[in-house]
Amino acid sequence: MSKLSAKARAAKKKRDLAAAKTPSRRRKKAENQKIRRKAAKKYGKSWLKGKDYDHDDKRFESVRANRGNDGKGTKKEGKKTKRKRR
């Protein structure tokens, strides 16, 4: 985390918490927890270490590989790669 003043850090904490508690963010978190529990049961917890679920490819990838639109960057991310909202 970057060095922030106490006032800025408190403001960021408040913003981050508000973002984490939105209904869409809570649904995404619950979905991720469900998927990870299922995978841990099937493959074991150690298999999951360092992996994130890629919602576009519908599989687990390393954290590194699951960033920035699979190496293409977010600028090129168009309508085709974005998921529909529920």
PDB file of N, CA and C in Angstrom:
ATOM      1  N   MET A   1       0.832  -1.174   0.000  1.00  0.00           N
ATOM      2  CA  MET A   1       0.000   0.000   0.000  1.00  0.00           C
ATOM      3  C   MET A   1       0.883   1.245   0.000  1.00  0.00           C
ATOM      4  N   SER A   2       0.481   2.247  -0.732  1.00  0.00           N
ATOM      5  CA  SER A   2       1.264   3.468  -0.780  1.00  0.00           C
ATOM      6  C   SER A   2       1.165   4.207   0.542  1.00  0.00           C
ATOM      7  N   LYS A   3       2.127   5.084   0.762  1.00  0.00           N
ATOM      8  CA  LYS A   3       2.144   5.839   2.014  1.00  0.00           C
ATOM      9  C   LYS A   3       1.113   6.954   1.932  1.00  0.00           C
ATOM     10  N   LEU A   4       0.118   6.866   2.761  1.00  0.00           N
ATOM     11  CA  LEU A   4      -0.949   7.862   2.798  1.00  0.00           C
ATOM     12  C   LEU A   4      -0.960   8.538   4.155  1.00  0.00           C
ATOM     13  N   SER A   5      -1.477   9.738   4.160  1.00  0.00           N
ATOM     14  CA  SER A   5      -1.646  10.413   5.444  1.00  0.00           C
ATOM     15  C   SER A   5      -2.752   9.693   6.210  1.00  0.00           C
ATOM     16  N   ALA A   6      -2.822   9.940   7.488  1.00  0.00           N
ATOM     17  CA  ALA A   6      -3.840   9.288   8.317  1.00  0.00           C
ATOM     18  C   ALA A   6      -5.241   9.625   7.824  1.00  0.00           C
ATOM     19  N   LYS A   7      -5.446  10.875   7.421  1.00  0.00           N
ATOM     20  CA  LYS A   7      -6.756  11.318   6.936  1.00  0.00           C
ATOM     21  C   LYS A   7      -7.115  10.612   5.618  1.00  0.00           C
ATOM     22  N   ALA A   8      -6.142  10.544   4.708  1.00  0.00           N
ATOM     23  CA  ALA A   8      -6.366   9.892   3.414  1.00  0.00           C
ATOM     24  C   ALA A   8      -6.578   8.392   3.583  1.00  0.00           C
ATOM     25  N   ARG A   9      -5.814   7.788   4.507  1.00  0.00           N
ATOM     26  CA  ARG A   9      -5.946   6.346   4.766  1.00  0.00           C
ATOM     27  C   ARG A   9      -7.334   6.020   5.300  1.00  0.00           C
ATOM     28  N   ALA A  10      -7.846   6.869   6.189  1.00  0.00           N
ATOM     29  CA  ALA A  10      -9.186   6.664   6.755  1.00  0.00           C
ATOM     30  C   ALA A  10     -10.254   6.809   5.676  1.00  0.00           C
ATOM     31  N   ALA A  11     -10.073   7.788   4.795  1.00  0.00           N
ATOM     32  CA  ALA A  11     -11.036   8.003   3.711  1.00  0.00           C
ATOM     33  C   ALA A  11     -11.037   6.829   2.748  1.00  0.00           C
ATOM     34  N   LYS A  12      -9.829   6.315   2.447  1.00  0.00           N
ATOM     35  CA  LYS A  12      -9.715   5.167   1.539  1.00  0.00           C
ATOM     36  C   LYS A  12     -10.354   3.929   2.165  1.00  0.00           C
ATOM     37  N   LYS A  13     -10.132   3.738   3.447  1.00  0.00           N
ATOM     38  CA  LYS A  13     -10.715   2.599   4.151  1.00  0.00           C
ATOM     39  C   LYS A  13     -12.240   2.644   4.065  1.00  0.00           C
ATOM     40  N   LYS A  14     -12.796   3.836   4.230  1.00  0.00           N
ATOM     41  CA  LYS A  14     -14.241   4.025   4.164  1.00  0.00           C
ATOM     42  C   LYS A  14     -14.768   3.732   2.748  1.00  0.00           C
ATOM     43  N   ARG A  15     -14.073   4.238   1.728  1.00  0.00           N
ATOM     44  CA  ARG A  15     -14.467   3.996   0.325  1.00  0.00           C
ATOM     45  C   ARG A  15     -14.378   2.512  -0.031  1.00  0.00           C
ATOM     46  N   ASP A  16     -13.272   1.879   0.372  1.00  0.00           N
ATOM     47  CA  ASP A  16     -13.074   0.463   0.063  1.00  0.00           C
ATOM     48  C   ASP A  16     -14.135  -0.410   0.714  1.00  0.00           C
ATOM     49  N   LEU A  17     -14.480  -0.088   1.961  1.00  0.00           N
ATOM     50  CA  LEU A  17     -15.494  -0.858   2.664  1.00  0.00           C
ATOM     51  C   LEU A  17     -16.860  -0.690   1.997  1.00  0.00           C
ATOM     52  N   ALA A  18     -17.172   0.538   1.588  1.00  0.00           N
ATOM     53  CA  ALA A  18     -18.446   0.792   0.905  1.00  0.00           C
ATOM     54  C   ALA A  18     -18.508   0.022  -0.414  1.00  0.00           C
ATOM     55  N   ALA A  19     -17.391  -0.035  -1.141  1.00  0.00           N
ATOM     56  CA  ALA A  19     -17.346  -0.768  -2.408  1.00  0.00           C
ATOM     57  C   ALA A  19     -17.496  -2.270  -2.174  1.00  0.00           C
ATOM     58  N   ALA A  20     -16.893  -2.778  -1.097  1.00  0.00           N
ATOM     59  CA  ALA A  20     -16.945  -4.207  -0.803  1.00  0.00           C
ATOM     60  C   ALA A  20     -18.337  -4.663  -0.359  1.00  0.00           C
ATOM     61  N   LYS A  21     -19.137  -3.724   0.135  1.00  0.00           N
ATOM     62  CA  LYS A  21     -20.455  -4.091   0.649  1.00  0.00           C
ATOM     63  C   LYS A  21     -21.584  -3.892  -0.355  1.00  0.00           C
ATOM     64  N   THR A  22     -21.273  -3.511  -1.582  1.00  0.00           N
ATOM     65  CA  THR A  22     -22.332  -3.350  -2.577  1.00  0.00           C
ATOM     66  C   THR A  22     -22.920  -4.723  -2.900  1.00  0.00           C
ATOM     67  N   PRO A  23     -24.182  -4.794  -3.279  1.00  0.00           N
ATOM     68  CA  PRO A  23     -24.807  -6.091  -3.571  1.00  0.00           C
ATOM     69  C   PRO A  23     -24.069  -6.893  -4.654  1.00  0.00           C
ATOM     70  N   SER A  24     -23.606  -6.210  -5.700  1.00  0.00           N
ATOM     71  CA  SER A  24     -22.918  -6.940  -6.769  1.00  0.00           C
ATOM     72  C   SER A  24     -21.595  -7.516  -6.279  1.00  0.00           C
ATOM     73  N   ARG A  25     -20.857  -6.756  -5.459  1.00  0.00           N
ATOM     74  CA  ARG A  25     -19.575  -7.226  -4.932  1.00  0.00           C
ATOM     75  C   ARG A  25     -19.775  -8.391  -3.972  1.00  0.00           C
ATOM     76  N   ARG A  26     -20.857  -8.340  -3.184  1.00  0.00           N
ATOM     77  CA  ARG A  26     -21.156  -9.445  -2.265  1.00  0.00           C
ATOM     78  C   ARG A  26     -21.514 -10.718  -3.025  1.00  0.00           C
ATOM     79  N   ARG A  27     -22.249 -10.564  -4.118  1.00  0.00           N
ATOM     80  CA  ARG A  27     -22.594 -11.735  -4.945  1.00  0.00           C
ATOM     81  C   ARG A  27     -21.334 -12.354  -5.536  1.00  0.00           C
ATOM     82  N   LYS A  28     -20.440 -11.505  -6.042  1.00  0.00           N
ATOM     83  CA  LYS A  28     -19.195 -12.002  -6.643  1.00  0.00           C
ATOM     84  C   LYS A  28     -18.341 -12.723  -5.599  1.00  0.00           C
ATOM     85  N   LYS A  29     -18.274 -12.160  -4.401  1.00  0.00           N
ATOM     86  CA  LYS A  29     -17.483 -12.779  -3.340  1.00  0.00           C
ATOM     87  C   LYS A  29     -18.062 -14.128  -2.951  1.00  0.00           C
ATOM     88  N   ALA A  30     -19.378 -14.192  -2.823  1.00  0.00           N
ATOM     89  CA  ALA A  30     -20.041 -15.453  -2.468  1.00  0.00           C
ATOM     90  C   ALA A  30     -19.812 -16.504  -3.553  1.00  0.00           C
ATOM     91  N   GLU A  31     -19.880 -16.072  -4.822  1.00  0.00           N
ATOM     92  CA  GLU A  31     -19.646 -16.996  -5.935  1.00  0.00           C
ATOM     93  C   GLU A  31     -18.212 -17.531  -5.886  1.00  0.00           C
ATOM     94  N   ASN A  32     -17.242 -16.648  -5.646  1.00  0.00           N
ATOM     95  CA  ASN A  32     -15.846 -17.068  -5.561  1.00  0.00           C
ATOM     96  C   ASN A  32     -15.619 -18.039  -4.417  1.00  0.00           C
ATOM     97  N   GLN A  33     -16.225 -17.765  -3.272  1.00  0.00           N
ATOM     98  CA  GLN A  33     -16.062 -18.655  -2.117  1.00  0.00           C
ATOM     99  C   GLN A  33     -16.637 -20.037  -2.413  1.00  0.00           C
ATOM    100  N   LYS A  34     -17.777 -20.066  -3.060  1.00  0.00           N
ATOM    101  CA  LYS A  34     -18.429 -21.335  -3.413  1.00  0.00           C
ATOM    102  C   LYS A  34     -17.548 -22.146  -4.364  1.00  0.00           C
ATOM    103  N   ILE A  35     -16.999 -21.479  -5.382  1.00  0.00           N
ATOM    104  CA  ILE A  35     -16.145 -22.150  -6.366  1.00  0.00           C
ATOM    105  C   ILE A  35     -14.868 -22.666  -5.714  1.00  0.00           C
ATOM    106  N   ARG A  36     -14.268 -21.850  -4.838  1.00  0.00           N
ATOM    107  CA  ARG A  36     -13.034 -22.255  -4.177  1.00  0.00           C
ATOM    108  C   ARG A  36     -13.260 -23.422  -3.208  1.00  0.00           C
ATOM    109  N   ARG A  37     -14.396 -23.418  -2.490  1.00  0.00           N
ATOM    110  CA  ARG A  37     -14.705 -24.535  -1.592  1.00  0.00           C
ATOM    111  C   ARG A  37     -14.834 -25.842  -2.371  1.00  0.00           C
ATOM    112  N   LYS A  38     -15.517 -25.756  -3.516  1.00  0.00           N
ATOM    113  CA  LYS A  38     -15.723 -26.939  -4.350  1.00  0.00           C
ATOM    114  C   LYS A  38     -14.385 -27.465  -4.889  1.00  0.00           C
ATOM    115  N   ALA A  39     -13.525 -26.536  -5.351  1.00  0.00           N
ATOM    116  CA  ALA A  39     -12.219 -26.930  -5.891  1.00  0.00           C
ATOM    117  C   ALA A  39     -11.313 -27.487  -4.792  1.00  0.00           C
ATOM    118  N   ALA A  40     -11.378 -26.907  -3.598  1.00  0.00           N
ATOM    119  CA  ALA A  40     -10.551 -27.392  -2.487  1.00  0.00           C
ATOM    120  C   ALA A  40     -10.947 -28.812  -2.102  1.00  0.00           C
ATOM    121  N   LYS A  41     -12.227 -29.081  -2.181  1.00  0.00           N
ATOM    122  CA  LYS A  41     -12.715 -30.421  -1.861  1.00  0.00           C
ATOM    123  C   LYS A  41     -12.240 -31.430  -2.916  1.00  0.00           C
ATOM    124  N   LYS A  42     -12.234 -30.999  -4.173  1.00  0.00           N
ATOM    125  CA  LYS A  42     -11.877 -31.899  -5.269  1.00  0.00           C
ATOM    126  C   LYS A  42     -10.361 -32.099  -5.400  1.00  0.00           C
ATOM    127  N   TYR A  43      -9.580 -30.995  -5.317  1.00  0.00           N
ATOM    128  CA  TYR A  43      -8.135 -31.058  -5.572  1.00  0.00           C
ATOM    129  C   TYR A  43      -7.267 -30.879  -4.336  1.00  0.00           C
ATOM    130  N   GLY A  44      -7.830 -30.349  -3.254  1.00  0.00           N
ATOM    131  CA  GLY A  44      -7.046 -30.080  -2.053  1.00  0.00           C
ATOM    132  C   GLY A  44      -6.684 -28.607  -1.957  1.00  0.00           C
ATOM    133  N   LYS A  45      -6.518 -28.131  -0.724  1.00  0.00           N
ATOM    134  CA  LYS A  45      -6.241 -26.712  -0.506  1.00  0.00           C
ATOM    135  C   LYS A  45      -4.898 -26.283  -1.079  1.00  0.00           C
ATOM    136  N   SER A  46      -3.905 -27.155  -1.032  1.00  0.00           N
ATOM    137  CA  SER A  46      -2.574 -26.782  -1.522  1.00  0.00           C
ATOM    138  C   SER A  46      -2.580 -26.547  -3.032  1.00  0.00           C
ATOM    139  N   TRP A  47      -3.450 -27.217  -3.756  1.00  0.00           N
ATOM    140  CA  TRP A  47      -3.560 -27.026  -5.209  1.00  0.00           C
ATOM    141  C   TRP A  47      -4.041 -25.616  -5.533  1.00  0.00           C
ATOM    142  N   LEU A  48      -4.884 -25.052  -4.677  1.00  0.00           N
ATOM    143  CA  LEU A  48      -5.461 -23.726  -4.903  1.00  0.00           C
ATOM    144  C   LEU A  48      -4.506 -22.579  -4.603  1.00  0.00           C
ATOM    145  N   LYS A  49      -3.443 -22.857  -3.875  1.00  0.00           N
ATOM    146  CA  LYS A  49      -2.534 -21.796  -3.455  1.00  0.00           C
ATOM    147  C   LYS A  49      -1.973 -21.039  -4.661  1.00  0.00           C
ATOM    148  N   GLY A  50      -2.102 -19.719  -4.639  1.00  0.00           N
ATOM    149  CA  GLY A  50      -1.565 -18.892  -5.727  1.00  0.00           C
ATOM    150  C   GLY A  50      -2.429 -18.868  -6.963  1.00  0.00           C
ATOM    151  N   LYS A  51      -3.665 -19.346  -6.876  1.00  0.00           N
ATOM    152  CA  LYS A  51      -4.545 -19.373  -8.040  1.00  0.00           C
ATOM    153  C   LYS A  51      -5.799 -18.551  -7.793  1.00  0.00           C
ATOM    154  N   ASP A  52      -6.296 -17.962  -8.860  1.00  0.00           N
ATOM    155  CA  ASP A  52      -7.553 -17.220  -8.854  1.00  0.00           C
ATOM    156  C   ASP A  52      -8.465 -17.825  -9.902  1.00  0.00           C
ATOM    157  N   TYR A  53      -9.756 -17.662  -9.710  1.00  0.00           N
ATOM    158  CA  TYR A  53     -10.719 -18.162 -10.683  1.00  0.00           C
ATOM    159  C   TYR A  53     -10.892 -17.126 -11.782  1.00  0.00           C
ATOM    160  N   ASP A  54     -10.726 -17.546 -13.022  1.00  0.00           N
ATOM    161  CA  ASP A  54     -10.927 -16.666 -14.176  1.00  0.00           C
ATOM    162  C   ASP A  54     -12.356 -16.850 -14.662  1.00  0.00           C
ATOM    163  N   HIS A  55     -13.160 -15.821 -14.507  1.00  0.00           N
ATOM    164  CA  HIS A  55     -14.577 -15.929 -14.843  1.00  0.00           C
ATOM    165  C   HIS A  55     -14.822 -15.954 -16.347  1.00  0.00           C
ATOM    166  N   ASP A  56     -13.878 -15.447 -17.125  1.00  0.00           N
ATOM    167  CA  ASP A  56     -14.029 -15.483 -18.583  1.00  0.00           C
ATOM    168  C   ASP A  56     -13.730 -16.879 -19.126  1.00  0.00           C
ATOM    169  N   ASP A  57     -12.634 -17.476 -18.627  1.00  0.00           N
ATOM    170  CA  ASP A  57     -12.233 -18.815 -19.097  1.00  0.00           C
ATOM    171  C   ASP A  57     -12.874 -19.938 -18.300  1.00  0.00           C
ATOM    172  N   LYS A  58     -13.525 -19.592 -17.190  1.00  0.00           N
ATOM    173  CA  LYS A  58     -14.204 -20.564 -16.317  1.00  0.00           C
ATOM    174  C   LYS A  58     -13.248 -21.640 -15.801  1.00  0.00           C
ATOM    175  N   ARG A  59     -12.051 -21.201 -15.344  1.00  0.00           N
ATOM    176  CA  ARG A  59     -11.087 -22.134 -14.775  1.00  0.00           C
ATOM    177  C   ARG A  59     -10.136 -21.377 -13.858  1.00  0.00           C
ATOM    178  N   PHE A  60      -9.375 -22.104 -13.058  1.00  0.00           N
ATOM    179  CA  PHE A  60      -8.406 -21.487 -12.172  1.00  0.00           C
ATOM    180  C   PHE A  60      -7.117 -21.222 -12.933  1.00  0.00           C
ATOM    181  N   GLU A  61      -6.533 -20.035 -12.693  1.00  0.00           N
ATOM    182  CA  GLU A  61      -5.265 -19.648 -13.301  1.00  0.00           C
ATOM    183  C   GLU A  61      -4.389 -19.058 -12.212  1.00  0.00           C
ATOM    184  N   SER A  62      -3.092 -18.962 -12.485  1.00  0.00           N
ATOM    185  CA  SER A  62      -2.220 -18.304 -11.523  1.00  0.00           C
ATOM    186  C   SER A  62      -2.666 -16.850 -11.400  1.00  0.00           C
ATOM    187  N   VAL A  63      -2.375 -16.257 -10.266  1.00  0.00           N
ATOM    188  CA  VAL A  63      -2.758 -14.865 -10.032  1.00  0.00           C
ATOM    189  C   VAL A  63      -2.150 -13.993 -11.122  1.00  0.00           C
ATOM    190  N   ARG A  64      -0.927 -14.289 -11.478  1.00  0.00           N
ATOM    191  CA  ARG A  64      -0.209 -13.515 -12.503  1.00  0.00           C
ATOM    192  C   ARG A  64      -0.915 -13.577 -13.859  1.00  0.00           C
ATOM    193  N   ALA A  65      -1.359 -14.758 -14.243  1.00  0.00           N
ATOM    194  CA  ALA A  65      -1.997 -14.940 -15.549  1.00  0.00           C
ATOM    195  C   ALA A  65      -3.413 -14.368 -15.589  1.00  0.00           C
ATOM    196  N   ASN A  66      -4.020 -14.188 -14.424  1.00  0.00           N
ATOM    197  CA  ASN A  66      -5.409 -13.747 -14.358  1.00  0.00           C
ATOM    198  C   ASN A  66      -5.539 -12.227 -14.209  1.00  0.00           C
ATOM    199  N   ARG A  67      -4.526 -11.489 -14.601  1.00  0.00           N
ATOM    200  CA  ARG A  67      -4.564 -10.028 -14.497  1.00  0.00           C
ATOM    201  C   ARG A  67      -4.517  -9.402 -15.888  1.00  0.00           C
ATOM    202  N   GLY A  68      -5.168  -8.285 -16.033  1.00  0.00           N
ATOM    203  CA  GLY A  68      -5.040  -7.489 -17.250  1.00  0.00           C
ATOM    204  C   GLY A  68      -5.504  -8.170 -18.510  1.00  0.00           C
ATOM    205  N   ASN A  69      -6.660  -8.817 -18.496  1.00  0.00           N
ATOM    206  CA  ASN A  69      -7.245  -9.390 -19.704  1.00  0.00           C
ATOM    207  C   ASN A  69      -6.302 -10.380 -20.392  1.00  0.00           C
ATOM    208  N   ASP A  70      -5.738 -11.281 -19.631  1.00  0.00           N
ATOM    209  CA  ASP A  70      -4.833 -12.328 -20.132  1.00  0.00           C
ATOM    210  C   ASP A  70      -3.649 -11.769 -20.922  1.00  0.00           C
ATOM    211  N   GLY A  71      -3.044 -10.700 -20.423  1.00  0.00           N
ATOM    212  CA  GLY A  71      -1.866 -10.134 -21.053  1.00  0.00           C
ATOM    213  C   GLY A  71      -2.148  -9.135 -22.161  1.00  0.00           C
ATOM    214  N   LYS A  72      -3.405  -8.930 -22.496  1.00  0.00           N
ATOM    215  CA  LYS A  72      -3.747  -7.991 -23.566  1.00  0.00           C
ATOM    216  C   LYS A  72      -4.000  -6.587 -23.028  1.00  0.00           C
ATOM    217  N   GLY A  73      -4.065  -6.446 -21.716  1.00  0.00           N
ATOM    218  CA  GLY A  73      -4.315  -5.139 -21.108  1.00  0.00           C
ATOM    219  C   GLY A  73      -5.791  -4.816 -21.095  1.00  0.00           C
ATOM    220  N   THR A  74      -6.158  -3.864 -20.267  1.00  0.00           N
ATOM    221  CA  THR A  74      -7.576  -3.541 -20.119  1.00  0.00           C
ATOM    222  C   THR A  74      -8.088  -2.568 -21.173  1.00  0.00           C
ATOM    223  N   LYS A  75      -7.186  -1.893 -21.895  1.00  0.00           N
ATOM    224  CA  LYS A  75      -7.637  -0.957 -22.931  1.00  0.00           C
ATOM    225  C   LYS A  75      -8.336  -1.682 -24.072  1.00  0.00           C
ATOM    226  N   LYS A  76      -7.876  -2.893 -24.379  1.00  0.00           N
ATOM    227  CA  LYS A  76      -8.440  -3.650 -25.496  1.00  0.00           C
ATOM    228  C   LYS A  76      -9.646  -4.482 -25.089  1.00  0.00           C
ATOM    229  N   GLU A  77      -9.977  -4.436 -23.815  1.00  0.00           N
ATOM    230  CA  GLU A  77     -11.102  -5.212 -23.328  1.00  0.00           C
ATOM    231  C   GLU A  77     -12.388  -4.568 -23.847  1.00  0.00           C
ATOM    232  N   GLY A  78     -13.095  -5.285 -24.687  1.00  0.00           N
ATOM    233  CA  GLY A  78     -14.292  -4.724 -25.296  1.00  0.00           C
ATOM    234  C   GLY A  78     -15.551  -5.376 -24.791  1.00  0.00           C
ATOM    235  N   LYS A  79     -16.631  -5.169 -25.514  1.00  0.00           N
ATOM    236  CA  LYS A  79     -17.926  -5.716 -25.131  1.00  0.00           C
ATOM    237  C   LYS A  79     -17.919  -7.238 -25.142  1.00  0.00           C
ATOM    238  N   LYS A  80     -17.104  -7.812 -26.012  1.00  0.00           N
ATOM    239  CA  LYS A  80     -17.078  -9.257 -26.158  1.00  0.00           C
ATOM    240  C   LYS A  80     -16.540  -9.969 -24.919  1.00  0.00           C
ATOM    241  N   THR A  81     -15.574  -9.356 -24.225  1.00  0.00           N
ATOM    242  CA  THR A  81     -14.953 -10.022 -23.080  1.00  0.00           C
ATOM    243  C   THR A  81     -15.636  -9.700 -21.769  1.00  0.00           C
ATOM    244  N   LYS A  82     -16.501  -8.704 -21.739  1.00  0.00           N
ATOM    245  CA  LYS A  82     -17.167  -8.342 -20.489  1.00  0.00           C
ATOM    246  C   LYS A  82     -18.362  -9.250 -20.253  1.00  0.00           C
ATOM    247  N   ARG A  83     -18.589  -9.555 -18.978  1.00  0.00           N
ATOM    248  CA  ARG A  83     -19.706 -10.413 -18.597  1.00  0.00           C
ATOM    249  C   ARG A  83     -20.978  -9.611 -18.490  1.00  0.00           C
ATOM    250  N   LYS A  84     -22.080 -10.265 -18.730  1.00  0.00           N
ATOM    251  CA  LYS A  84     -23.389  -9.615 -18.584  1.00  0.00           C
ATOM    252  C   LYS A  84     -23.733  -9.518 -17.108  1.00  0.00           C
ATOM    253  N   ARG A  85     -24.379  -8.438 -16.741  1.00  0.00           N
ATOM    254  CA  ARG A  85     -24.839  -8.283 -15.363  1.00  0.00           C
ATOM    255  C   ARG A  85     -26.107  -9.068 -15.149  1.00  0.00           C
ATOM    256  N   ARG A  86     -26.249  -9.565 -13.936  1.00  0.00           N
ATOM    257  CA  ARG A  86     -27.441 -10.357 -13.610  1.00  0.00           C
ATOM    258  C   ARG A  86     -28.556  -9.485 -13.145  1.00  0.00           C
TER     259      ARG A  86
END
